[in-house]
Amino acid sequence: MNEQLAAAINGFGVFTSSEITQVLDRMHLFPVERNAILLELGQTCQAFHFIQSGSFRHYCPEDGGDTTLNLWTEQQWALDYQSFAAQKPSRNIIRAMEDSEVYELSVYQLHHLIELSPAFFQLGKIMGSAIPDDEILNVKLSPVDKYRALLGKNPKLLQRFALKHIASYLGITPETLSRVRKKMIEQIS
């Protein structure tokens, strides 16, 4: 039994060991190579993905660039919330940023679990864990405060993702992020 995955599932409710086993039996682990697409633009999101190892970027392609919506690493759930909830084609992409491994639970497997026991309705809370962090992305915060919030909540993102993706995630330009980082270093010195 994958203890980390079992703990992540238990984070959404109280499940018996038998129920955890039922969920784990329906999930399969598979590798995702660096730069591979987990969810393509226009594809309907049909599954939850639990990141065993690696990192993923969830972004919206736009004319001349793109906007980073989420940055995920180990022990997090990855999915396109809007596409999954509405079962409509995604306007976004989920791409592996490094060689990764993910567990997958399809919407069909989730429905089968719910048929077995209403306790599995609690797994729907996984969707909420994949929604961007409002505290970090609050448009009213200054760039410095956004960066501080990111450092306080998830500093490992800075070691795993390109600064241009971090800046996009925070809703600031790479140049602004460079100035913020320089200013914070100067304050420490």
Protein backbone atom coordinates (compact mmCIF):
# COMPACT_ATOMS: atom_id res chain seq x y z
CA MET A 1 0.00 0.00 0.00
CA ASN A 2 1.29 3.47 -0.84
CA GLU A 3 1.19 5.19 2.55
CA GLN A 4 1.52 8.72 1.11
CA LEU A 5 -1.38 8.20 -1.26
CA ALA A 6 -3.48 6.59 1.49
CA ALA A 7 -2.75 9.57 3.76
CA ALA A 8 -3.69 11.99 0.97
CA ILE A 9 -7.01 10.20 0.46
CA ASN A 10 -7.68 10.21 4.20
CA GLY A 11 -7.11 13.98 4.12
CA PHE A 12 -10.54 14.33 2.49
CA GLY A 13 -12.53 12.33 4.99
CA VAL A 14 -12.49 9.38 7.33
CA PHE A 15 -12.22 6.15 5.39
CA THR A 16 -11.88 2.62 6.68
CA SER A 17 -8.84 0.60 5.61
CA SER A 18 -11.17 -1.40 3.37
CA GLU A 19 -12.41 1.78 1.66
CA ILE A 20 -8.84 3.03 1.19
CA THR A 21 -7.95 -0.31 -0.39
CA GLN A 22 -10.95 0.00 -2.72
CA VAL A 23 -9.72 3.40 -3.88
CA LEU A 24 -6.11 2.29 -4.25
CA ASP A 25 -7.17 -0.79 -6.22
CA ARG A 26 -8.75 1.53 -8.80
CA MET A 27 -5.75 3.83 -9.16
CA HIS A 28 -2.79 3.02 -11.32
CA LEU A 29 0.70 4.46 -11.32
CA PHE A 30 2.26 5.51 -14.59
CA PRO A 31 5.30 7.48 -15.69
CA VAL A 32 5.06 10.87 -17.40
CA GLU A 33 8.15 12.09 -19.23
CA ARG A 34 9.41 15.65 -18.96
CA ASN A 35 7.43 18.00 -21.24
CA ALA A 36 4.72 15.39 -21.82
CA ILE A 37 1.16 16.68 -21.77
CA LEU A 38 -1.08 15.22 -19.06
CA LEU A 39 -4.09 17.22 -20.29
CA GLU A 40 -4.24 18.72 -23.77
CA LEU A 41 -5.97 21.90 -24.81
CA GLY A 42 -9.54 20.95 -25.83
CA GLN A 43 -9.43 17.57 -24.05
CA THR A 44 -12.01 16.96 -21.32
CA CYS A 45 -10.40 16.28 -17.94
CA GLN A 46 -11.50 12.75 -17.06
CA ALA A 47 -9.31 12.01 -14.02
CA PHE A 48 -7.67 13.12 -10.80
CA HIS A 49 -3.88 12.69 -10.71
CA PHE A 50 -1.90 12.29 -7.51
CA ILE A 51 1.72 13.28 -8.05
CA GLN A 52 3.99 10.58 -6.64
CA SER A 53 7.13 12.27 -8.00
CA GLY A 54 7.89 15.16 -10.30
CA SER A 55 6.20 18.45 -11.05
CA PHE A 56 3.48 19.81 -13.32
CA ARG A 57 2.47 23.19 -14.67
CA HIS A 58 -1.20 23.99 -15.36
CA TYR A 59 -1.48 26.89 -17.77
CA CYS A 60 -3.73 28.72 -20.21
CA PRO A 61 -2.18 29.36 -23.63
CA GLU A 62 -2.75 32.87 -24.94
CA ASP A 63 -1.67 34.85 -27.98
CA GLY A 64 2.03 35.49 -27.59
CA GLY A 65 2.42 33.64 -24.29
CA ASP A 66 0.55 31.85 -21.54
CA THR A 67 -0.66 32.27 -17.98
CA THR A 68 0.33 29.83 -15.24
CA LEU A 69 -2.70 28.78 -13.20
CA ASN A 70 -1.13 26.17 -10.90
CA LEU A 71 2.25 24.69 -10.06
CA TRP A 72 2.13 21.23 -8.51
CA THR A 73 4.77 18.94 -7.00
CA GLU A 74 4.84 15.70 -5.04
CA GLN A 75 1.92 14.76 -2.80
CA GLN A 76 -0.47 17.12 -4.57
CA TRP A 77 -3.51 16.45 -6.74
CA ALA A 78 -3.49 17.72 -10.31
CA LEU A 79 -6.54 18.27 -12.49
CA ASP A 80 -8.27 20.97 -14.49
CA TYR A 81 -11.08 21.78 -12.06
CA GLN A 82 -13.37 23.59 -14.52
CA SER A 83 -13.09 20.93 -17.22
CA PHE A 84 -13.54 18.07 -14.75
CA ALA A 85 -16.50 19.59 -12.91
CA ALA A 86 -18.37 20.58 -16.08
CA GLN A 87 -17.08 17.66 -18.19
CA LYS A 88 -16.31 20.14 -20.97
CA PRO A 89 -13.20 20.60 -23.11
CA SER A 90 -10.34 22.23 -21.25
CA ARG A 91 -9.10 25.68 -22.14
CA ASN A 92 -5.87 24.82 -20.35
CA ILE A 93 -2.91 22.46 -20.51
CA ILE A 94 -1.22 20.36 -17.80
CA ARG A 95 2.43 19.63 -18.67
CA ALA A 96 5.09 17.64 -16.82
CA MET A 97 8.03 19.90 -16.01
CA GLU A 98 10.30 16.98 -15.15
CA ASP A 99 10.16 13.20 -15.34
CA SER A 100 7.27 12.30 -13.08
CA GLU A 101 5.05 9.50 -11.80
CA VAL A 102 1.36 9.93 -11.10
CA TYR A 103 -1.50 7.84 -9.80
CA GLU A 104 -4.71 8.25 -11.75
CA LEU A 105 -8.32 7.90 -10.63
CA SER A 106 -10.75 8.31 -13.52
CA VAL A 107 -14.15 9.90 -13.22
CA TYR A 108 -15.62 6.50 -14.12
CA GLN A 109 -13.76 4.81 -11.26
CA LEU A 110 -14.91 7.58 -8.91
CA HIS A 111 -18.55 7.02 -9.97
CA HIS A 112 -18.14 3.29 -9.42
CA LEU A 113 -16.77 3.93 -5.92
CA ILE A 114 -19.71 6.23 -5.12
CA GLU A 115 -22.10 3.46 -6.22
CA LEU A 116 -20.40 1.15 -3.71
CA SER A 117 -20.65 3.58 -0.78
CA PRO A 118 -21.79 7.16 -0.21
CA ALA A 119 -18.62 7.62 1.85
CA PHE A 120 -16.77 8.10 -1.44
CA PHE A 121 -18.63 11.36 -2.12
CA GLN A 122 -15.96 12.87 0.13
CA LEU A 123 -13.38 12.22 -2.60
CA GLY A 124 -14.97 15.09 -4.50
CA LYS A 125 -13.05 17.38 -2.15
CA ILE A 126 -9.96 16.50 -4.19
CA MET A 127 -11.20 19.01 -6.74
CA GLY A 128 -10.98 21.80 -4.21
CA SER A 129 -7.35 20.99 -3.49
CA ALA A 130 -6.46 21.67 -7.15
CA ILE A 131 -7.89 25.21 -7.15
CA PRO A 132 -5.23 27.97 -7.10
CA ASP A 133 -4.32 29.42 -3.70
CA ASP A 134 -6.31 32.67 -3.32
CA GLU A 135 -3.93 34.01 -0.67
CA ILE A 136 -0.94 33.90 -3.00
CA LEU A 137 -2.82 35.03 -6.09
CA ASN A 138 -4.83 37.84 -4.44
CA VAL A 139 -4.71 40.70 -6.96
CA LYS A 140 -4.86 43.23 -4.13
CA LEU A 141 -1.50 42.08 -2.76
CA SER A 142 1.68 43.82 -3.79
CA PRO A 143 4.26 41.78 -5.72
CA VAL A 144 6.39 41.64 -2.57
CA ASP A 145 3.50 40.30 -0.50
CA LYS A 146 2.63 37.71 -3.18
CA TYR A 147 6.23 36.52 -3.21
CA ARG A 148 6.33 36.37 0.60
CA ALA A 149 3.08 34.37 0.64
CA LEU A 150 4.59 31.93 -1.85
CA LEU A 151 7.75 31.61 0.27
CA GLY A 152 5.62 30.97 3.35
CA LYS A 153 3.29 28.43 1.71
CA ASN A 154 5.42 26.56 -0.80
CA PRO A 155 9.06 27.69 -1.08
CA LYS A 156 10.11 24.52 -2.92
CA LEU A 157 8.35 25.84 -6.03
CA LEU A 158 11.25 28.26 -6.48
CA GLN A 159 13.65 25.33 -6.79
CA ARG A 160 11.45 23.33 -9.17
CA PHE A 161 10.08 25.84 -11.69
CA ALA A 162 11.55 28.48 -13.97
CA LEU A 163 11.26 32.01 -12.61
CA LYS A 164 9.16 33.03 -15.64
CA HIS A 165 6.58 30.41 -14.58
CA ILE A 166 6.71 31.58 -10.95
CA ALA A 167 6.19 35.18 -12.11
CA SER A 168 3.26 34.16 -14.32
CA TYR A 169 1.73 32.20 -11.43
CA LEU A 170 2.00 35.28 -9.19
CA GLY A 171 0.52 37.52 -11.90
CA ILE A 172 3.64 39.68 -12.24
CA THR A 173 6.30 40.08 -14.91
CA PRO A 174 9.64 38.26 -14.68
CA GLU A 175 11.33 41.67 -14.36
CA THR A 176 9.15 42.58 -11.38
CA LEU A 177 9.93 39.23 -9.78
CA SER A 178 13.66 39.88 -10.23
CA ARG A 179 13.31 43.29 -8.56
CA VAL A 180 11.29 41.80 -5.68
CA ARG A 181 13.88 39.06 -5.12
CA LYS A 182 16.76 41.60 -5.25
CA LYS A 183 14.96 43.92 -2.81
CA MET A 184 14.35 41.06 -0.35
CA ILE A 185 18.01 39.97 -0.54
CA GLU A 186 19.13 43.55 0.12
CA GLN A 187 16.84 43.74 3.16
CA ILE A 188 18.42 40.57 4.59
CA SER A 189 21.97 41.86 4.04
